[in-house]
N, C-alpha and C. Protein backbone atom coordinates (compact mmCIF):
# COMPACT_ATOMS: atom_id res chain seq x y z
N MET A 1 17.70 26.72 -27.05
CA MET A 1 16.69 25.78 -26.61
C MET A 1 15.94 25.53 -25.84
N SER A 2 14.81 25.09 -25.33
CA SER A 2 13.99 24.71 -24.22
C SER A 2 14.23 23.20 -24.18
N GLU A 3 14.29 22.68 -23.08
CA GLU A 3 14.12 21.18 -22.45
C GLU A 3 12.89 20.92 -22.10
N LYS A 4 12.82 20.12 -22.95
CA LYS A 4 11.25 19.44 -22.25
C LYS A 4 11.29 18.91 -20.35
N LYS A 5 10.37 19.52 -20.32
CA LYS A 5 9.98 19.19 -18.75
C LYS A 5 9.60 17.73 -18.06
N LYS A 6 10.47 17.50 -17.13
CA LYS A 6 10.20 16.00 -16.86
C LYS A 6 8.99 16.12 -16.00
N ASN A 7 7.91 14.85 -16.03
CA ASN A 7 6.83 14.97 -15.30
C ASN A 7 7.46 14.37 -13.62
N PRO A 8 6.62 14.86 -12.91
CA PRO A 8 6.84 14.67 -11.85
C PRO A 8 6.73 13.43 -11.07
N THR A 9 7.58 12.62 -10.23
CA THR A 9 7.42 11.26 -10.02
C THR A 9 7.12 11.10 -8.79
N ARG A 10 6.79 9.89 -8.57
CA ARG A 10 5.91 9.54 -7.23
C ARG A 10 7.35 9.26 -6.36
N PRO A 11 6.88 10.13 -5.09
CA PRO A 11 8.18 9.73 -3.95
C PRO A 11 8.19 8.13 -3.29
N LEU A 12 9.38 7.58 -3.35
CA LEU A 12 9.50 5.89 -3.50
C LEU A 12 10.31 5.53 -2.14
N PRO A 13 9.67 4.71 -1.63
CA PRO A 13 10.33 4.17 -0.21
C PRO A 13 11.73 3.82 -0.70
N ASN A 14 12.78 3.68 0.77
CA ASN A 14 14.21 3.07 0.46
C ASN A 14 13.97 1.34 0.36
N THR A 15 14.23 0.57 -0.91
CA THR A 15 14.40 -0.49 -0.99
C THR A 15 15.41 -1.13 -0.37
N LYS A 16 16.15 -0.74 0.60
CA LYS A 16 17.54 -1.26 0.74
C LYS A 16 17.28 -1.37 2.45
N GLU A 17 16.41 -0.57 3.17
CA GLU A 17 16.45 -0.80 4.63
C GLU A 17 16.09 -2.20 4.76
N LEU A 18 16.53 -2.60 5.75
CA LEU A 18 16.90 -4.20 6.05
C LEU A 18 15.20 -4.91 6.79
N ASP A 19 14.48 -4.12 7.39
CA ASP A 19 13.05 -4.91 7.78
C ASP A 19 12.28 -5.10 6.84
N THR A 20 12.11 -4.01 5.77
CA THR A 20 11.20 -4.25 4.26
C THR A 20 11.83 -4.48 3.54
N GLN A 21 13.19 -4.49 3.29
CA GLN A 21 13.43 -5.08 1.97
C GLN A 21 13.00 -6.07 1.07
N GLU A 22 12.36 -7.33 1.83
CA GLU A 22 11.70 -8.42 1.52
C GLU A 22 10.62 -8.46 0.67
N PHE A 23 9.81 -7.32 1.47
CA PHE A 23 8.38 -6.74 1.24
C PHE A 23 8.83 -5.99 -0.21
N TRP A 24 9.60 -5.03 -0.29
CA TRP A 24 9.74 -4.52 -1.18
C TRP A 24 9.87 -5.29 -2.68
N ALA A 25 11.12 -6.42 -2.40
CA ALA A 25 11.61 -7.36 -3.38
C ALA A 25 10.37 -8.02 -4.01
N ALA A 26 9.59 -8.79 -3.03
CA ALA A 26 8.38 -9.53 -3.56
C ALA A 26 7.20 -8.52 -4.68
N THR A 27 7.21 -7.15 -4.18
CA THR A 27 6.48 -6.25 -4.75
C THR A 27 6.80 -6.34 -6.60
N LYS A 28 8.18 -6.79 -7.01
CA LYS A 28 8.34 -6.61 -8.03
C LYS A 28 7.66 -7.69 -8.95
N ASN A 29 7.24 -9.19 -8.14
CA ASN A 29 6.37 -10.17 -8.86
C ASN A 29 4.92 -10.31 -8.43
N LYS A 30 4.63 -8.73 -7.94
CA LYS A 30 3.24 -8.18 -7.56
C LYS A 30 2.88 -9.41 -6.60
N GLU A 31 3.70 -9.52 -5.38
CA GLU A 31 3.21 -10.23 -4.17
C GLU A 31 3.26 -9.45 -3.06
N PHE A 32 2.26 -9.19 -2.46
CA PHE A 32 2.19 -8.44 -1.10
C PHE A 32 2.47 -9.41 0.11
N LYS A 33 3.77 -9.25 0.59
CA LYS A 33 3.75 -10.19 1.62
C LYS A 33 3.52 -9.48 3.14
N TYR A 34 3.35 -9.82 4.37
CA TYR A 34 3.22 -9.62 5.53
C TYR A 34 3.74 -10.58 5.97
N GLN A 35 3.55 -10.17 7.59
CA GLN A 35 4.50 -11.59 8.41
C GLN A 35 3.42 -11.84 9.35
N GLN A 36 3.55 -13.31 9.85
CA GLN A 36 2.61 -13.80 10.92
C GLN A 36 3.84 -14.55 12.17
N CYS A 37 3.41 -14.32 13.15
CA CYS A 37 4.03 -14.42 14.71
C CYS A 37 3.89 -16.61 13.98
N ASP A 38 5.16 -16.96 14.22
CA ASP A 38 4.74 -18.04 14.82
C ASP A 38 4.39 -18.48 16.01
N SER A 39 4.59 -17.74 16.71
CA SER A 39 4.46 -18.56 18.22
C SER A 39 3.17 -18.16 18.71
N CYS A 40 2.73 -16.54 18.53
CA CYS A 40 1.32 -16.47 19.04
C CYS A 40 0.27 -16.03 17.85
N HIS A 41 0.69 -16.05 16.27
CA HIS A 41 0.09 -16.07 15.25
C HIS A 41 -0.62 -14.75 14.89
N LYS A 42 -0.14 -13.86 15.68
CA LYS A 42 -0.32 -12.66 15.37
C LYS A 42 0.07 -12.00 13.90
N VAL A 43 -0.94 -11.14 13.27
CA VAL A 43 -0.66 -10.58 11.90
C VAL A 43 0.32 -9.43 12.44
N VAL A 44 1.29 -9.51 11.30
CA VAL A 44 2.13 -8.47 11.84
C VAL A 44 2.55 -7.57 10.26
N PHE A 45 2.37 -6.23 10.23
CA PHE A 45 2.67 -5.29 9.24
C PHE A 45 2.68 -4.04 9.70
N TYR A 46 3.39 -3.54 9.50
CA TYR A 46 4.49 -3.10 8.19
C TYR A 46 5.69 -4.23 8.68
N PRO A 47 6.43 -4.48 8.02
CA PRO A 47 7.66 -5.35 8.01
C PRO A 47 8.81 -4.86 9.26
N ARG A 48 9.04 -6.16 10.41
CA ARG A 48 9.85 -5.52 11.31
C ARG A 48 10.70 -6.99 11.94
N ARG A 49 11.57 -7.21 12.62
CA ARG A 49 12.04 -8.15 12.99
C ARG A 49 11.43 -8.43 14.53
N HIS A 50 10.45 -8.11 15.25
CA HIS A 50 9.68 -8.78 16.25
C HIS A 50 8.34 -8.82 16.27
N CYS A 51 7.67 -9.75 16.62
CA CYS A 51 5.87 -9.75 17.05
C CYS A 51 5.81 -8.36 17.71
N THR A 52 4.51 -7.88 17.41
CA THR A 52 3.97 -6.53 17.78
C THR A 52 3.22 -7.36 19.09
N GLY A 53 3.10 -8.57 19.34
CA GLY A 53 1.92 -9.13 20.25
C GLY A 53 2.98 -9.47 21.14
N CYS A 54 3.62 -10.62 21.27
CA CYS A 54 4.55 -11.59 21.88
C CYS A 54 5.65 -11.15 21.93
N THR A 55 6.48 -9.83 21.25
CA THR A 55 7.96 -9.43 21.05
C THR A 55 9.12 -11.04 20.52
N SER A 56 8.19 -12.26 20.03
CA SER A 56 9.10 -12.83 19.40
C SER A 56 9.58 -13.01 18.42
N GLY A 57 10.69 -13.31 18.12
CA GLY A 57 11.49 -13.02 17.07
C GLY A 57 11.02 -13.70 15.60
N LYS A 58 10.01 -14.94 16.11
CA LYS A 58 9.72 -15.73 14.64
C LYS A 58 8.40 -15.41 14.20
N LEU A 59 8.80 -14.76 13.02
CA LEU A 59 8.19 -14.39 12.07
C LEU A 59 8.03 -15.10 10.97
N VAL A 60 7.21 -15.19 10.17
CA VAL A 60 6.89 -15.98 9.05
C VAL A 60 6.37 -15.18 8.04
N TRP A 61 7.18 -15.15 6.72
CA TRP A 61 6.49 -14.20 5.96
C TRP A 61 5.04 -15.02 4.99
N LYS A 62 4.42 -14.33 4.75
CA LYS A 62 2.88 -15.30 3.84
C LYS A 62 2.96 -14.04 2.63
N THR A 63 2.00 -14.49 1.81
CA THR A 63 1.41 -13.66 0.58
C THR A 63 -0.16 -13.10 0.54
N ALA A 64 -0.57 -12.30 0.87
CA ALA A 64 -2.24 -12.14 0.81
C ALA A 64 -2.73 -12.26 -0.70
N SER A 65 -3.51 -12.32 -0.77
CA SER A 65 -4.71 -12.91 -2.14
C SER A 65 -4.70 -11.59 -2.50
N GLY A 66 -4.73 -10.25 -2.23
CA GLY A 66 -5.16 -8.99 -2.57
C GLY A 66 -6.48 -8.60 -2.87
N LYS A 67 -7.30 -9.33 -2.03
CA LYS A 67 -8.80 -9.23 -1.57
C LYS A 67 -8.48 -7.97 -0.31
N ALA A 68 -9.60 -6.95 -0.17
CA ALA A 68 -9.44 -6.15 0.63
C ALA A 68 -10.81 -5.57 0.92
N SER A 69 -10.71 -4.22 1.95
CA SER A 69 -12.14 -3.68 2.36
C SER A 69 -11.64 -1.93 2.56
N VAL A 70 -12.06 -1.02 2.43
CA VAL A 70 -11.94 0.26 2.85
C VAL A 70 -12.31 0.17 4.67
N TYR A 71 -11.36 0.15 5.26
CA TYR A 71 -11.39 0.35 6.66
C TYR A 71 -11.84 2.07 6.81
N THR A 72 -11.66 3.16 6.47
CA THR A 72 -11.45 4.60 6.56
C THR A 72 -10.84 5.18 5.15
N TYR A 73 -11.26 6.49 4.78
CA TYR A 73 -10.70 7.00 3.86
C TYR A 73 -10.68 8.45 4.15
N SER A 74 -10.16 9.07 3.54
CA SER A 74 -10.13 11.03 3.65
C SER A 74 -9.88 11.07 2.15
N VAL A 75 -10.49 11.99 1.39
CA VAL A 75 -10.71 12.71 0.17
C VAL A 75 -9.32 13.96 -0.05
N VAL A 76 -8.12 13.75 -0.63
CA VAL A 76 -7.55 14.74 -0.28
C VAL A 76 -7.55 15.73 -1.72
N ARG A 77 -7.83 17.42 -1.17
CA ARG A 77 -8.29 17.94 -2.29
C ARG A 77 -7.12 18.63 -2.74
N GLN A 78 -6.20 18.81 -1.84
CA GLN A 78 -5.14 19.82 -2.54
C GLN A 78 -4.12 19.42 -2.15
N SER A 79 -2.94 19.23 -2.67
CA SER A 79 -1.66 19.06 -2.20
C SER A 79 -0.58 20.10 -3.22
N TYR A 80 0.74 19.62 -2.05
CA TYR A 80 1.91 20.68 -2.87
C TYR A 80 3.13 19.79 -3.02
N HIS A 81 2.66 18.60 -3.12
CA HIS A 81 3.91 17.63 -3.99
C HIS A 81 3.38 17.68 -5.32
N PRO A 82 4.56 18.16 -6.31
CA PRO A 82 4.19 18.06 -7.65
C PRO A 82 3.49 17.00 -8.22
N PHE A 83 3.92 15.48 -7.46
CA PHE A 83 3.25 14.42 -8.28
C PHE A 83 1.82 14.26 -7.73
N PHE A 84 1.80 14.61 -6.36
CA PHE A 84 0.40 14.30 -6.30
C PHE A 84 -0.72 15.76 -6.74
N ARG A 85 -0.22 16.95 -6.98
CA ARG A 85 -0.89 17.77 -7.24
C ARG A 85 -1.78 17.81 -8.55
N ASN A 86 -1.03 16.81 -9.75
CA ASN A 86 -2.37 16.76 -10.57
C ASN A 86 -3.19 15.39 -10.26
N MET A 87 -3.06 14.89 -9.12
CA MET A 87 -4.19 13.88 -9.00
C MET A 87 -5.42 14.19 -8.27
N VAL A 88 -5.25 15.42 -7.62
CA VAL A 88 -6.40 16.18 -6.72
C VAL A 88 -7.72 16.26 -7.63
N PRO A 89 -8.76 15.50 -7.12
CA PRO A 89 -8.79 15.18 -5.82
C PRO A 89 -8.56 13.29 -5.70
N TYR A 90 -7.92 12.95 -4.94
CA TYR A 90 -7.67 11.81 -4.54
C TYR A 90 -7.73 10.72 -3.09
N VAL A 91 -8.22 9.51 -3.05
CA VAL A 91 -8.29 8.77 -2.29
C VAL A 91 -7.66 8.14 -1.32
N VAL A 92 -7.07 8.80 -0.22
CA VAL A 92 -6.04 8.12 0.92
C VAL A 92 -6.49 7.06 1.89
N ALA A 93 -6.35 5.65 1.62
CA ALA A 93 -7.42 4.85 2.84
C ALA A 93 -6.83 3.91 3.64
N TRP A 94 -7.12 3.79 4.79
CA TRP A 94 -6.80 3.12 5.76
C TRP A 94 -7.31 1.86 4.97
N ILE A 95 -6.52 0.59 4.49
CA ILE A 95 -7.13 -1.00 3.57
C ILE A 95 -7.07 -1.73 4.66
N ASP A 96 -8.26 -2.61 4.67
CA ASP A 96 -8.04 -3.93 5.56
C ASP A 96 -7.89 -5.03 4.35
N LEU A 97 -6.64 -5.85 4.54
CA LEU A 97 -6.51 -7.02 3.56
C LEU A 97 -7.28 -8.38 4.28
N GLU A 98 -7.62 -9.01 3.56
CA GLU A 98 -8.49 -9.99 4.01
C GLU A 98 -7.95 -10.96 4.61
N GLU A 99 -6.78 -10.98 4.50
CA GLU A 99 -5.66 -11.91 5.61
C GLU A 99 -5.50 -11.25 6.84
N GLY A 100 -5.99 -9.91 7.06
CA GLY A 100 -5.60 -9.06 8.22
C GLY A 100 -4.58 -7.94 8.31
N PRO A 101 -3.93 -7.94 7.46
CA PRO A 101 -3.16 -6.53 7.10
C PRO A 101 -3.58 -5.68 7.15
N ARG A 102 -3.45 -4.05 8.02
CA ARG A 102 -3.79 -2.80 7.49
C ARG A 102 -2.85 -2.05 6.79
N ILE A 103 -3.21 -1.46 5.55
CA ILE A 103 -2.22 -0.43 4.75
C ILE A 103 -2.48 0.72 4.29
N LEU A 104 -1.93 1.84 4.60
CA LEU A 104 -2.35 3.21 4.12
C LEU A 104 -1.85 3.10 2.88
N SER A 105 -2.92 3.48 1.53
CA SER A 105 -2.68 3.57 0.35
C SER A 105 -3.65 4.24 -0.13
N ASN A 106 -4.08 3.97 -1.61
CA ASN A 106 -4.87 4.74 -2.64
C ASN A 106 -5.88 4.23 -2.87
N VAL A 107 -7.12 4.97 -2.95
CA VAL A 107 -8.08 3.98 -3.82
C VAL A 107 -8.20 4.52 -5.24
N ILE A 108 -7.88 3.80 -6.23
CA ILE A 108 -7.39 4.21 -7.61
C ILE A 108 -9.13 3.83 -8.35
N GLY A 109 -8.93 4.06 -9.80
CA GLY A 109 -10.02 4.14 -10.39
C GLY A 109 -11.43 4.35 -10.14
N VAL A 110 -11.97 5.54 -9.58
CA VAL A 110 -13.39 5.78 -8.85
C VAL A 110 -12.98 7.47 -10.11
N ASP A 111 -14.72 7.37 -10.35
CA ASP A 111 -14.32 8.78 -11.40
C ASP A 111 -14.43 9.82 -10.17
N ASP A 112 -15.43 9.99 -9.04
CA ASP A 112 -15.73 10.89 -8.40
C ASP A 112 -15.46 10.42 -6.33
N PRO A 113 -14.18 10.53 -6.33
CA PRO A 113 -13.82 10.19 -4.68
C PRO A 113 -14.83 10.50 -4.13
N LEU A 114 -15.62 11.36 -4.23
CA LEU A 114 -16.69 12.35 -2.92
C LEU A 114 -17.34 11.11 -2.76
N ASN A 115 -17.91 10.58 -3.95
CA ASN A 115 -19.46 9.90 -3.69
C ASN A 115 -18.96 8.35 -4.36
N ASP A 116 -17.77 7.81 -4.96
CA ASP A 116 -17.55 6.42 -5.18
C ASP A 116 -16.71 5.71 -4.31
N VAL A 117 -16.49 5.88 -3.21
CA VAL A 117 -15.83 5.13 -2.10
C VAL A 117 -16.59 5.50 -0.80
N SER A 118 -16.76 4.16 0.12
CA SER A 118 -16.90 4.22 1.16
C SER A 118 -16.94 3.24 2.18
N ILE A 119 -16.92 3.41 3.24
CA ILE A 119 -16.13 2.50 4.51
C ILE A 119 -16.90 1.05 4.07
N GLY A 120 -15.68 0.29 4.22
CA GLY A 120 -16.53 -1.56 4.23
C GLY A 120 -16.42 -1.93 2.62
N GLN A 121 -16.47 -1.13 1.53
CA GLN A 121 -16.12 -0.92 0.39
C GLN A 121 -15.35 -2.33 -0.23
N GLU A 122 -15.67 -3.09 -0.91
CA GLU A 122 -14.74 -4.15 -1.41
C GLU A 122 -13.62 -3.57 -2.49
N LEU A 123 -12.12 -4.01 -1.96
CA LEU A 123 -11.38 -3.83 -3.03
C LEU A 123 -10.45 -4.80 -3.71
N GLN A 124 -9.51 -4.50 -4.68
CA GLN A 124 -8.90 -6.02 -5.43
C GLN A 124 -7.27 -4.86 -5.47
N LEU A 125 -6.53 -5.08 -4.70
CA LEU A 125 -5.08 -5.11 -5.33
C LEU A 125 -4.76 -5.00 -6.58
N GLU A 126 -4.06 -3.73 -6.91
CA GLU A 126 -3.10 -3.43 -7.91
C GLU A 126 -1.96 -3.13 -8.11
N TRP A 127 -1.39 -3.09 -8.72
CA TRP A 127 0.31 -2.45 -8.79
C TRP A 127 0.66 -1.10 -9.67
N GLU A 128 1.40 -0.48 -9.33
CA GLU A 128 1.88 1.23 -9.67
C GLU A 128 3.51 0.11 -10.35
N GLU A 129 3.89 0.18 -11.19
CA GLU A 129 5.21 -0.44 -11.58
C GLU A 129 6.06 0.76 -12.09
N HIS A 130 7.55 0.55 -11.13
CA HIS A 130 8.30 1.15 -11.14
C HIS A 130 9.46 0.23 -11.81
N GLU A 131 10.85 0.94 -11.65
CA GLU A 131 11.77 0.38 -11.83
C GLU A 131 12.41 -0.80 -11.08
N ASP A 132 12.56 -0.45 -9.65
CA ASP A 132 12.99 -1.27 -8.62
C ASP A 132 11.82 -1.98 -7.78
N LEU A 133 11.01 -1.40 -7.44
CA LEU A 133 9.75 -1.64 -6.58
C LEU A 133 7.86 -1.75 -7.65
N PHE A 134 7.19 -2.07 -6.62
CA PHE A 134 5.93 -1.75 -7.46
C PHE A 134 5.42 -1.45 -6.45
N ILE A 135 4.35 -0.10 -6.22
CA ILE A 135 3.71 0.30 -5.43
C ILE A 135 1.97 -0.08 -5.29
N PRO A 136 1.43 -0.95 -3.98
CA PRO A 136 0.47 -1.65 -4.04
C PRO A 136 -0.75 -0.19 -3.51
N LEU A 137 -1.77 -0.39 -5.02
CA LEU A 137 -3.10 0.59 -4.71
C LEU A 137 -4.34 -0.46 -4.88
N PHE A 138 -5.35 0.00 -5.13
CA PHE A 138 -6.69 -0.56 -4.53
C PHE A 138 -7.55 -0.15 -6.00
N ARG A 139 -8.34 -1.10 -6.31
CA ARG A 139 -9.67 -0.43 -6.68
C ARG A 139 -11.08 -1.05 -6.51
N PRO A 140 -11.86 -0.70 -6.26
CA PRO A 140 -12.84 -1.13 -6.24
C PRO A 140 -13.27 -2.47 -7.21
N VAL A 141 -14.15 -3.43 -6.22
CA VAL A 141 -14.46 -4.53 -6.93
C VAL A 141 -15.42 -4.11 -7.69
């Protein structure tokens, strides 16, 4: 008897890590949370316990609008991980959210990654749904 082959799955982050736990929990509500220092007002992302500007521990959680743009990007043409292997070519980009955080993610929803993505291009946040968390991805507007 032959077993049905499972589709490879995306590697997922640890949702129990103390500094990022609140961020991943918010993704289940399709909210992109980032921190801002209550002392010097510096935007902080990825989540942590202290400000990267003044080292204060007074960080406040905020919710991003989901509006973003491409800071820079690369087109991946070869991948050895089973999940990503079937996606090539795909775009990995540093993405600037309107409120200030910069995140490394994928640009999705393009027919030709080599020609359909550009620096400064406007994007909108979308979510890839998983059981314990959602992954933030971005699509051109």
